[in-house]
């Protein structure tokens, strides 16, 4: 969680990010990787332009679901599993499933 953002804000950002089918598929692809995934590999898999991919990654990063690293012109992304796990626990708790 970042400064100024409540857990409710983060919960809403994650829910909104995961609501889009394309972003969900992008996140699934990132999650399947053991190592950070390159921006170009994501674009090839999803056959979308760089601006569209950047937009989707921006929303996933704002929701803290992924970590984006820039090294010169190379961009890699990795899942933040602890955030996903916390979100799932929160959903379970809020819906009283556990």
Protein backbone atom coordinates (compact mmCIF):
# COMPACT_ATOMS: atom_id res chain seq x y z
CA UNK A 1 0.00 0.00 0.00
CA UNK A 2 1.34 3.43 -0.88
CA UNK A 3 1.18 6.60 1.17
CA UNK A 4 -2.22 8.23 1.11
CA UNK A 5 -4.04 5.13 -0.07
CA UNK A 6 -6.33 3.29 2.28
CA UNK A 7 -6.84 -0.45 2.11
CA UNK A 8 -10.32 0.26 0.71
CA UNK A 9 -8.78 2.33 -2.10
CA UNK A 10 -6.31 -0.44 -2.93
CA UNK A 11 -9.08 -3.06 -2.81
CA UNK A 12 -11.12 -0.98 -5.29
CA UNK A 13 -8.12 -0.44 -7.59
CA UNK A 14 -7.44 -4.18 -7.66
CA UNK A 15 -11.08 -5.03 -8.34
CA UNK A 16 -11.21 -2.50 -11.18
CA UNK A 17 -7.94 -3.74 -12.64
CA UNK A 18 -9.07 -7.37 -12.58
CA UNK A 19 -12.51 -6.56 -14.03
CA UNK A 20 -11.07 -6.04 -17.51
CA UNK A 21 -10.67 -9.41 -19.32
CA UNK A 22 -7.54 -8.34 -21.21
CA UNK A 23 -5.81 -7.10 -18.04
CA UNK A 24 -6.77 -10.31 -16.28
CA UNK A 25 -5.20 -12.35 -19.11
CA UNK A 26 -2.06 -10.18 -18.97
CA UNK A 27 -1.83 -10.72 -15.21
CA UNK A 28 -2.26 -14.49 -15.66
CA UNK A 29 0.59 -14.55 -18.15
CA UNK A 30 2.83 -12.57 -15.78
CA UNK A 31 1.90 -14.90 -12.90
CA UNK A 32 2.88 -18.02 -14.86
CA UNK A 33 6.48 -16.82 -15.18
CA UNK A 34 9.20 -17.64 -12.67
CA UNK A 35 11.24 -14.61 -13.73
CA UNK A 36 10.22 -11.08 -14.71
CA UNK A 37 8.61 -10.90 -18.14
CA UNK A 38 9.64 -8.39 -20.78
CA UNK A 39 7.28 -5.79 -22.18
CA UNK A 40 7.93 -7.06 -25.72
CA UNK A 41 7.06 -10.66 -24.78
CA UNK A 42 3.75 -9.47 -23.32
CA UNK A 43 2.95 -7.49 -26.47
CA UNK A 44 3.69 -10.46 -28.73
CA UNK A 45 1.45 -12.75 -26.70
CA UNK A 46 -1.48 -10.33 -26.65
CA UNK A 47 -0.99 -8.75 -30.10
CA UNK A 48 -1.66 -5.20 -28.95
CA UNK A 49 0.16 -1.93 -29.48
CA UNK A 50 2.68 -0.48 -27.08
CA UNK A 51 0.40 2.35 -25.86
CA UNK A 52 -2.41 -0.09 -25.05
CA UNK A 53 -0.06 -2.48 -23.24
CA UNK A 54 1.46 0.43 -21.32
CA UNK A 55 -2.00 1.52 -20.23
CA UNK A 56 -2.91 -1.96 -18.97
CA UNK A 57 0.40 -2.33 -17.13
CA UNK A 58 -0.01 1.12 -15.59
CA UNK A 59 -3.38 0.14 -14.10
CA UNK A 60 -2.02 -3.18 -12.82
CA UNK A 61 0.94 -1.36 -11.26
CA UNK A 62 -1.28 1.30 -9.69
CA UNK A 63 -3.23 -1.54 -8.08
CA UNK A 64 0.13 -2.88 -6.77
CA UNK A 65 -0.46 -6.22 -8.54
CA UNK A 66 2.78 -6.00 -10.52
CA UNK A 67 6.20 -4.47 -10.18
CA UNK A 68 7.52 -2.65 -13.25
CA UNK A 69 11.29 -2.21 -13.65
CA UNK A 70 12.96 -0.05 -16.25
CA UNK A 71 16.60 -0.64 -17.20
CA UNK A 72 17.46 1.73 -20.02
CA UNK A 73 14.95 0.96 -22.75
CA UNK A 74 14.13 -2.50 -21.36
CA UNK A 75 10.98 -2.87 -19.27
CA UNK A 76 10.17 -5.98 -17.26
CA UNK A 77 7.21 -6.82 -15.09
CA UNK A 78 6.74 -9.29 -12.25
CA UNK A 79 3.78 -10.36 -10.17
CA UNK A 80 3.51 -9.20 -6.56
CA UNK A 81 2.05 -12.44 -5.16
CA UNK A 82 1.74 -11.06 -1.62
CA UNK A 83 -0.70 -8.40 -2.88
CA UNK A 84 -2.78 -10.97 -4.78
CA UNK A 85 -2.89 -13.24 -1.74
CA UNK A 86 -3.92 -10.36 0.54
CA UNK A 87 -6.64 -9.33 -1.92
CA UNK A 88 -8.02 -12.87 -2.06
CA UNK A 89 -8.05 -13.10 1.74
CA UNK A 90 -9.89 -9.75 1.87
CA UNK A 91 -12.49 -10.96 -0.63
CA UNK A 92 -12.95 -14.16 1.34
CA UNK A 93 -13.33 -12.21 4.58
CA UNK A 94 -15.70 -9.61 3.15
CA UNK A 95 -17.93 -12.28 1.65
CA UNK A 96 -17.60 -14.37 4.82
CA UNK A 97 -16.49 -17.46 2.94
CA UNK A 98 -13.77 -18.46 5.37
